[in-house]
Amino acid sequence: MAIRKTALTAAIVAAAVATTAFTVPAAATDRTDRTTRTTDGHERTQAALEAAVREGTPGVLAQARDRDGVWNGAAGVADRDTGRERHPNDRYRVASITKTFVATTVLQLEAEGRLDLDDTVDRWLPGVVRGNGHDGRKITLRQLLNHTSGIYDYTADPGFQAKAFGPGFFQHRYDTWTPRQLVGVAMGHRPNFAPGTDWAYSNTNYIVAGMVIEKATGRPYGKEIERRLIKPLKLRATSVPGTDARMPKPSGRAYSTLMAAEPNAPVHDVTELNPSGAWASGEMISDSADLQRFVRALLKGRLLPPAQMKELTTTVPVEEGGPSARYGLGVFAVKLSCGTEVWGHTGGIHGSVSNVVATRDGEHSLALNLNGDWAGNTLGIVEAEFCG
């Protein structure tokens, strides 16, 4: 998750699911056509999309890829005012799926010998993670990536929440936040636990990881993601927007109740926002085809050498997700009710809840998006696709 509502956190977490850069040659991009097939074999997935709309989500979009090709499904609307339907190539904010791109970039840097997962945060960012019991001299890069650092999640700070998620959103939606400001918010609180002793999802971990990428490379972290992942994989719908509040076309609208808990709470159009408040923890934009292309390439070992693949897929238990959920380095592993295990990540930001998962061999994948952040069940859609 990136910027996220506290009430949404548990649901999304539970749903989850060489000196030369080790990147993918253009010839190995695992690209297939986007032909829409009928619902044959995906009837339950389509039914799950429709159920999410009945539960209150304005519109749901999903795309699956398997040995039979590409299937596109949708339900509801992309725009409540015009009634425009959701289209397979619509772009949306993918929020914390950004973390998988960031973790992959850090692992590529390790493969190149430019950093080590056992480096401390202070080795790269002296004094940045310090205060109220936080100590970057005792936290490793690995602990950032697998959320065992204990660093407080800045999005849980009441002051940040009031500006970012509540009624203050309308006054602050175009504010620019710097990474140092976001880390500073977290440093105003006690850590969740001593490094390496427990697990807790914290967006601050990936703000710090983005800062490490910039220190190690001398370039903006987003430019590194573009150079290493977006361009080699030809992810033409994927972007790192920085402070640009606009959504690229084609896209629909995004809707939120802004943390209002009461029934029939007002629904607001929150499509435009400055995503710097999410930064490396969740600012990216993509579409369902690009997300699957990336995750399939990652799980098939096309982006990382074997040693880093082992690091990526070494997991720790995730308390919020129950005994069937574990977390590696920027990826969830979730065992579904039918015994199938899927790997990927979820993401939640204002008016956008997303999920991309694939089987460990990368042969069967699914990406989906809900354009409302108060209803719907992404895990139910994943279950329908892989266990239906």
Protein backbone atom coordinates (compact mmCIF):
# COMPACT_ATOMS: atom_id res chain seq x y z
CA MET A 1 0.00 0.00 0.00
CA ALA A 2 1.02 3.49 -0.38
CA ILE A 3 -1.10 6.23 0.99
CA ARG A 4 -3.76 4.15 2.62
CA LYS A 5 -6.66 4.33 4.99
CA THR A 6 -6.15 2.49 8.26
CA ALA A 7 -9.47 0.69 7.87
CA LEU A 8 -8.39 -0.54 4.46
CA THR A 9 -5.03 -1.88 5.56
CA ALA A 10 -6.03 -5.23 7.03
CA ALA A 11 -8.26 -6.07 4.09
CA ILE A 12 -5.63 -5.35 1.50
CA VAL A 13 -2.82 -7.06 3.40
CA ALA A 14 -5.05 -10.08 3.90
CA ALA A 15 -5.90 -10.11 0.21
CA ALA A 16 -2.37 -10.37 -0.79
CA VAL A 17 -1.32 -11.31 -2.10
CA ALA A 18 27.81 -8.46 -12.93
CA THR A 19 28.66 -4.68 -13.06
CA THR A 20 26.00 -4.39 -15.72
CA ALA A 21 22.33 -3.98 -14.84
CA PHE A 22 20.61 -7.37 -14.99
CA THR A 23 17.68 -6.40 -17.20
CA VAL A 24 15.54 -8.06 -19.85
CA PRO A 25 16.60 -8.00 -23.49
CA ALA A 26 13.93 -6.69 -25.80
CA ALA A 27 13.51 -10.14 -27.34
CA ALA A 28 12.54 -11.69 -24.01
CA THR A 29 9.71 -9.45 -22.90
CA ASP A 30 7.04 -12.21 -22.74
CA ARG A 31 4.57 -10.13 -24.70
CA THR A 32 1.29 -11.57 -25.95
CA ASP A 33 -1.66 -10.03 -27.72
CA ARG A 34 -4.48 -8.43 -25.79
CA THR A 35 -7.28 -10.30 -27.54
CA THR A 36 -10.37 -10.49 -25.37
CA ARG A 37 -11.79 -13.98 -25.05
CA THR A 38 -15.23 -15.02 -23.89
CA THR A 39 -15.79 -15.85 -20.23
CA ASP A 40 -15.20 -19.56 -20.92
CA GLY A 41 -13.21 -20.76 -17.92
CA HIS A 42 -13.54 -17.40 -16.19
CA GLU A 43 -17.24 -17.33 -15.37
CA ARG A 44 -16.59 -17.32 -11.63
CA THR A 45 -14.08 -14.51 -11.98
CA GLN A 46 -16.63 -12.44 -13.88
CA ALA A 47 -19.21 -13.24 -11.22
CA ALA A 48 -16.80 -12.05 -8.53
CA LEU A 49 -16.34 -8.75 -10.37
CA GLU A 50 -20.09 -8.30 -10.48
CA ALA A 51 -20.33 -9.15 -6.77
CA ALA A 52 -17.83 -6.40 -5.98
CA VAL A 53 -20.07 -3.90 -7.77
CA ARG A 54 -23.12 -5.13 -5.85
CA GLU A 55 -21.14 -4.54 -2.66
CA GLY A 56 -20.73 -0.90 -3.61
CA THR A 57 -17.64 -0.53 -5.79
CA PRO A 58 -18.43 1.72 -8.76
CA GLY A 59 -16.39 -0.32 -11.24
CA VAL A 60 -14.03 -3.29 -11.39
CA LEU A 61 -11.52 -4.25 -14.06
CA ALA A 62 -9.60 -7.51 -14.39
CA GLN A 63 -7.35 -9.25 -16.88
CA ALA A 64 -6.08 -12.84 -16.67
CA ARG A 65 -3.41 -14.60 -18.69
CA ASP A 66 -2.98 -18.35 -18.86
CA ARG A 67 -2.14 -21.08 -21.34
CA ASP A 68 -5.32 -20.29 -23.28
CA GLY A 69 -4.47 -16.62 -23.83
CA VAL A 70 -5.80 -13.35 -22.44
CA TRP A 71 -9.17 -12.78 -20.81
CA ASN A 72 -10.59 -9.35 -19.99
CA GLY A 73 -13.45 -8.81 -17.57
CA ALA A 74 -15.20 -5.76 -16.17
CA ALA A 75 -18.26 -4.74 -14.21
CA GLY A 76 -19.78 -1.43 -13.21
CA VAL A 77 -18.61 1.91 -14.53
CA ALA A 78 -15.40 3.89 -14.90
CA ASP A 79 -17.25 7.20 -14.52
CA ARG A 80 -20.34 7.58 -12.36
CA ASP A 81 -21.39 10.76 -14.15
CA THR A 82 -21.13 9.65 -17.76
CA GLY A 83 -21.70 5.92 -17.29
CA ARG A 84 -18.57 5.11 -19.31
CA GLU A 85 -17.64 1.47 -18.83
CA ARG A 86 -14.21 0.30 -17.73
CA HIS A 87 -11.89 -0.60 -20.62
CA PRO A 88 -9.17 -3.30 -20.62
CA ASN A 89 -6.42 -0.75 -21.32
CA ASP A 90 -7.49 1.75 -18.66
CA ARG A 91 -4.64 2.99 -16.50
CA TYR A 92 -4.95 3.27 -12.74
CA ARG A 93 -2.90 4.08 -9.65
CA VAL A 94 -1.31 0.82 -8.51
CA ALA A 95 -0.19 2.12 -5.11
CA SER A 96 1.90 -0.44 -3.21
CA ILE A 97 2.55 -2.60 -6.25
CA THR A 98 5.25 0.08 -6.64
CA LYS A 99 7.06 -1.77 -3.85
CA THR A 100 7.69 -4.78 -6.08
CA PHE A 101 9.39 -2.53 -8.65
CA VAL A 102 11.48 -0.90 -5.90
CA ALA A 103 12.53 -4.23 -4.35
CA THR A 104 13.49 -5.61 -7.78
CA THR A 105 15.66 -2.53 -8.40
CA VAL A 106 17.42 -2.93 -5.04
CA LEU A 107 18.05 -6.61 -5.80
CA GLN A 108 19.50 -5.74 -9.21
CA LEU A 109 21.85 -3.30 -7.49
CA GLU A 110 22.93 -6.07 -5.14
CA ALA A 111 23.54 -8.38 -8.10
CA GLU A 112 25.81 -5.70 -9.56
CA GLY A 113 27.78 -5.47 -6.31
CA ARG A 114 26.71 -1.89 -5.69
CA LEU A 115 25.07 -2.60 -2.35
CA ASP A 116 24.34 -5.54 -0.05
CA LEU A 117 21.06 -6.50 1.59
CA ASP A 118 22.95 -6.80 4.87
CA ASP A 119 24.12 -3.19 4.65
CA THR A 120 22.65 -1.04 7.37
CA VAL A 121 20.42 1.87 6.50
CA ASP A 122 22.98 4.17 8.12
CA ARG A 123 25.62 2.90 5.69
CA TRP A 124 23.70 4.72 2.95
CA LEU A 125 21.68 7.32 4.81
CA PRO A 126 23.62 8.37 7.93
CA GLY A 127 21.35 9.73 10.62
CA VAL A 128 18.18 9.70 8.52
CA VAL A 129 16.46 6.91 10.45
CA ARG A 130 17.05 8.13 13.97
CA GLY A 131 14.77 9.26 16.78
CA ASN A 132 12.33 7.99 19.39
CA GLY A 133 14.05 4.61 19.44
CA HIS A 134 14.58 4.26 15.67
CA ASP A 135 18.20 3.56 14.78
CA GLY A 136 19.30 3.06 11.18
CA ARG A 137 22.60 1.61 12.43
CA LYS A 138 20.64 -1.50 13.50
CA ILE A 139 18.33 -1.88 10.50
CA THR A 140 19.37 -3.67 7.30
CA LEU A 141 18.17 -3.13 3.76
CA ARG A 142 16.68 -6.63 3.82
CA GLN A 143 14.59 -5.66 6.84
CA LEU A 144 13.27 -2.66 4.95
CA LEU A 145 12.19 -4.80 2.01
CA ASN A 146 10.49 -7.53 4.04
CA HIS A 147 8.92 -5.20 6.62
CA THR A 148 10.81 -6.56 9.62
CA SER A 149 12.56 -3.25 10.39
CA GLY A 150 10.05 -2.12 13.00
CA ILE A 151 10.01 1.40 11.53
CA TYR A 152 6.76 3.22 12.21
CA ASP A 153 4.41 3.64 9.24
CA TYR A 154 4.10 7.36 8.49
CA THR A 155 0.63 6.83 6.99
CA ALA A 156 -0.61 5.82 10.47
CA ASP A 157 0.29 9.23 11.90
CA PRO A 158 -2.96 11.02 12.88
CA GLY A 159 -1.78 14.36 11.53
CA PHE A 160 -0.79 12.87 8.18
CA GLN A 161 -4.07 10.99 8.00
CA ALA A 162 -6.08 14.15 8.64
CA LYS A 163 -4.39 15.87 5.69
CA ALA A 164 -4.16 12.91 3.34
CA PHE A 165 -7.25 10.81 3.94
CA GLY A 166 -9.92 12.82 5.75
CA PRO A 167 -11.75 16.05 4.91
CA GLY A 168 -8.37 17.78 4.72
CA PHE A 169 -7.74 15.94 1.47
CA PHE A 170 -9.40 18.66 -0.57
CA GLN A 171 -7.11 21.33 0.89
CA HIS A 172 -3.96 19.19 0.61
CA ARG A 173 -4.51 16.99 -2.47
CA TYR A 174 -1.92 18.95 -4.50
CA ASP A 175 0.67 19.29 -1.70
CA THR A 176 4.20 18.08 -2.44
CA TRP A 177 5.88 15.92 0.18
CA THR A 178 9.59 15.17 0.20
CA PRO A 179 10.93 11.75 1.22
CA ARG A 180 12.72 13.36 4.17
CA GLN A 181 9.43 14.85 5.34
CA LEU A 182 7.70 11.48 5.18
CA VAL A 183 10.48 9.75 7.11
CA GLY A 184 10.40 12.64 9.59
CA VAL A 185 6.73 11.95 10.27
CA ALA A 186 7.61 8.36 11.15
CA MET A 187 10.52 9.39 13.35
CA GLY A 188 8.08 11.31 15.52
CA HIS A 189 6.82 7.97 16.84
CA ARG A 190 8.26 4.98 18.62
CA PRO A 191 9.19 2.00 16.40
CA ASN A 192 6.78 -0.90 16.26
CA PHE A 193 9.41 -3.35 17.57
CA ALA A 194 13.15 -3.99 17.60
CA PRO A 195 14.56 -4.70 14.11
CA GLY A 196 14.20 -8.32 13.03
CA THR A 197 11.95 -9.41 15.88
CA ASP A 198 8.54 -9.20 14.23
CA TRP A 199 6.67 -8.19 11.05
CA ALA A 200 4.58 -5.08 10.42
CA TYR A 201 3.71 -3.49 7.10
CA SER A 202 5.22 0.00 6.95
CA ASN A 203 5.22 2.32 3.98
CA THR A 204 8.18 4.13 5.52
CA ASN A 205 10.36 1.12 4.74
CA TYR A 206 9.99 1.75 1.03
CA ILE A 207 10.42 5.51 1.29
CA VAL A 208 13.81 4.72 2.84
CA ALA A 209 14.51 2.06 0.19
CA GLY A 210 13.84 4.61 -2.54
CA MET A 211 16.28 7.00 -0.88
CA VAL A 212 18.90 4.23 -0.80
CA ILE A 213 18.46 3.61 -4.53
CA GLU A 214 19.07 7.29 -5.17
CA LYS A 215 22.15 7.37 -2.96
CA ALA A 216 23.59 4.23 -4.56
CA THR A 217 22.96 5.29 -8.16
CA GLY A 218 23.06 9.08 -8.08
CA ARG A 219 19.77 9.16 -10.00
CA PRO A 220 16.09 9.52 -9.04
CA TYR A 221 14.66 6.17 -8.04
CA GLY A 222 11.93 6.52 -10.65
CA LYS A 223 14.50 6.96 -13.42
CA GLU A 224 16.19 3.76 -12.27
CA ILE A 225 12.87 1.90 -12.44
CA GLU A 226 12.28 3.29 -15.92
CA ARG A 227 15.78 2.34 -17.11
CA ARG A 228 15.87 -1.12 -15.57
CA LEU A 229 12.27 -2.32 -15.78
CA ILE A 230 9.78 -0.13 -17.63
CA LYS A 231 11.77 0.37 -20.84
CA PRO A 232 13.28 -3.15 -21.19
CA LEU A 233 9.88 -4.76 -20.61
CA LYS A 234 8.14 -2.21 -22.87
CA LEU A 235 5.65 -1.30 -20.14
CA ARG A 236 4.11 1.50 -22.18
CA ALA A 237 1.23 2.16 -19.78
CA THR A 238 3.47 2.30 -16.70
CA SER A 239 4.83 5.52 -15.22
CA VAL A 240 6.35 7.08 -12.11
CA PRO A 241 4.44 10.37 -12.00
CA GLY A 242 6.41 12.29 -9.37
CA THR A 243 4.32 15.35 -8.47
CA ASP A 244 1.99 15.22 -11.47
CA ALA A 245 -1.56 14.99 -10.13
CA ARG A 246 -3.16 14.07 -13.44
CA MET A 247 -4.03 10.60 -14.70
CA PRO A 248 -2.83 9.65 -18.20
CA LYS A 249 -5.38 8.55 -20.77
CA PRO A 250 -7.11 6.24 -21.14
CA SER A 251 -8.39 6.12 -17.58
CA GLY A 252 -11.57 6.40 -15.59
CA ARG A 253 -12.29 8.18 -12.33
CA ALA A 254 -11.37 7.20 -8.77
CA TYR A 255 -13.80 7.43 -5.86
CA SER A 256 -13.43 7.56 -2.08
CA THR A 257 -15.45 8.08 1.07
CA LEU A 258 -12.34 9.63 2.71
CA MET A 259 -12.35 7.38 5.76
CA ALA A 260 -15.99 8.02 6.59
CA ALA A 261 -17.25 4.95 8.43
CA GLU A 262 -20.98 5.65 8.51
CA PRO A 263 -23.31 3.87 6.07
CA ASN A 264 -24.19 5.83 2.94
CA ALA A 265 -21.22 8.15 3.45
CA PRO A 266 -20.71 10.69 0.66
CA VAL A 267 -18.59 9.46 -2.24
CA HIS A 268 -16.00 11.88 -3.61
CA ASP A 269 -14.11 12.01 -6.90
CA VAL A 270 -10.43 11.82 -5.86
CA THR A 271 -8.92 11.11 -9.26
CA GLU A 272 -6.47 13.99 -9.17
CA LEU A 273 -3.86 14.01 -6.41
CA ASN A 274 -0.16 14.69 -6.01
CA PRO A 275 1.29 11.21 -5.37
CA SER A 276 4.51 12.48 -3.75
CA GLY A 277 2.92 11.56 -0.42
CA ALA A 278 3.28 7.94 -1.50
CA TRP A 279 6.58 8.25 -3.43
CA ALA A 280 8.56 4.98 -3.54
CA SER A 281 5.99 3.26 -1.34
CA GLY A 282 3.23 3.61 -3.90
CA GLU A 283 3.11 6.38 -6.53
CA MET A 284 3.16 4.37 -9.76
CA ILE A 285 0.50 4.16 -12.47
CA SER A 286 0.01 1.17 -14.79
CA ASP A 287 -2.55 -1.06 -16.45
CA SER A 288 -3.46 -4.72 -16.08
CA ALA A 289 -1.43 -5.95 -19.05
CA ASP A 290 1.76 -4.19 -17.94
CA LEU A 291 1.45 -5.37 -14.35
CA GLN A 292 1.17 -8.97 -15.47
CA ARG A 293 4.04 -8.66 -17.91
CA PHE A 294 6.23 -7.36 -15.08
CA VAL A 295 5.24 -9.95 -12.48
CA ARG A 296 5.47 -12.85 -14.93
CA ALA A 297 8.95 -11.76 -16.02
CA LEU A 298 10.00 -11.40 -12.38
CA LEU A 299 8.74 -14.81 -11.28
CA LYS A 300 10.22 -16.50 -14.34
CA GLY A 301 13.67 -15.24 -13.33
CA ARG A 302 14.12 -12.83 -16.24
CA LEU A 303 14.87 -9.81 -14.07
CA LEU A 304 17.13 -11.23 -11.36
CA PRO A 305 19.96 -13.79 -11.12
CA PRO A 306 19.27 -16.97 -9.10
CA ALA A 307 20.87 -15.65 -5.90
CA GLN A 308 18.62 -12.60 -5.87
CA MET A 309 15.59 -14.67 -6.84
CA LYS A 310 16.23 -16.73 -3.74
CA GLU A 311 16.34 -13.55 -1.66
CA LEU A 312 13.14 -12.25 -3.28
CA THR A 313 11.21 -15.42 -2.49
CA THR A 314 12.54 -16.04 1.03
CA THR A 315 9.49 -15.18 3.11
CA VAL A 316 8.49 -14.33 6.65
CA PRO A 317 5.05 -14.88 8.23
CA VAL A 318 2.47 -12.14 7.84
CA GLU A 319 0.28 -11.90 10.92
CA GLU A 320 -2.43 -9.79 9.29
CA GLY A 321 -2.86 -12.22 6.43
CA GLY A 322 -3.26 -15.32 8.57
CA PRO A 323 -1.23 -18.54 8.36
CA SER A 324 -1.56 -18.75 4.57
CA ALA A 325 0.14 -15.40 3.85
CA ARG A 326 3.88 -14.69 3.83
CA TYR A 327 6.03 -11.79 2.63
CA GLY A 328 9.30 -11.91 0.71
CA LEU A 329 11.15 -8.86 -0.61
CA GLY A 330 8.41 -6.72 -2.09
CA VAL A 331 6.12 -9.69 -2.81
CA PHE A 332 3.37 -11.51 -0.97
CA ALA A 333 2.95 -15.28 -1.19
CA VAL A 334 -0.60 -16.41 -0.42
CA LYS A 335 -1.93 -19.97 -0.36
CA LEU A 336 -5.53 -19.91 -1.51
CA SER A 337 -8.37 -22.09 -0.25
CA CYS A 338 -7.82 -24.65 -3.02
CA GLY A 339 -4.11 -25.00 -2.18
CA THR A 340 -2.82 -22.94 -5.11
CA GLU A 341 -0.11 -20.49 -4.10
CA VAL A 342 0.05 -17.10 -5.80
CA TRP A 343 2.74 -14.42 -5.64
CA GLY A 344 2.41 -10.71 -6.17
CA HIS A 345 1.30 -7.57 -4.40
CA THR A 346 -1.73 -5.52 -3.50
CA GLY A 347 -2.07 -1.76 -3.51
CA GLY A 348 -4.47 0.79 -2.09
CA ILE A 349 -4.53 4.54 -2.57
CA HIS A 350 -7.37 7.06 -2.73
CA GLY A 351 -10.09 5.59 -4.91
CA SER A 352 -7.99 2.74 -6.25
CA VAL A 353 -7.51 -0.80 -4.93
CA SER A 354 -5.36 -3.09 -7.05
CA ASN A 355 -3.91 -6.58 -7.00
CA VAL A 356 -1.53 -8.46 -9.29
CA VAL A 357 -0.70 -12.11 -8.66
CA ALA A 358 0.67 -15.10 -10.53
CA THR A 359 1.51 -18.70 -9.88
CA ARG A 360 5.15 -19.24 -8.93
CA ASP A 361 6.01 -20.38 -12.46
CA GLY A 362 4.51 -17.17 -13.86
CA GLU A 363 2.23 -19.05 -16.24
CA HIS A 364 -1.14 -18.02 -14.82
CA SER A 365 -1.59 -14.41 -13.76
CA LEU A 366 -4.27 -11.91 -12.84
CA ALA A 367 -4.34 -8.13 -12.42
CA LEU A 368 -7.36 -6.23 -11.19
CA ASN A 369 -8.49 -2.83 -10.01
CA LEU A 370 -11.43 -1.44 -8.07
CA ASN A 371 -12.11 2.27 -8.57
CA GLY A 372 -13.57 2.73 -5.10
CA ASP A 373 -11.74 2.25 -1.79
CA TRP A 374 -14.57 1.40 0.60
CA ALA A 375 -16.09 -1.84 -0.70
CA GLY A 376 -15.28 -4.96 -2.68
CA ASN A 377 -13.04 -7.93 -2.03
CA THR A 378 -9.96 -8.45 -4.18
CA LEU A 379 -9.19 -11.77 -2.49
CA GLY A 380 -12.58 -13.10 -3.59
CA ILE A 381 -11.72 -12.25 -7.19
CA VAL A 382 -8.33 -13.93 -6.90
CA GLU A 383 -9.94 -17.02 -5.36
CA ALA A 384 -12.47 -17.15 -8.19
CA GLU A 385 -9.77 -16.99 -10.87
CA PHE A 386 -7.34 -19.52 -9.42
CA CYS A 387 -9.70 -21.82 -7.53
CA GLY A 388 -12.91 -21.45 -9.53
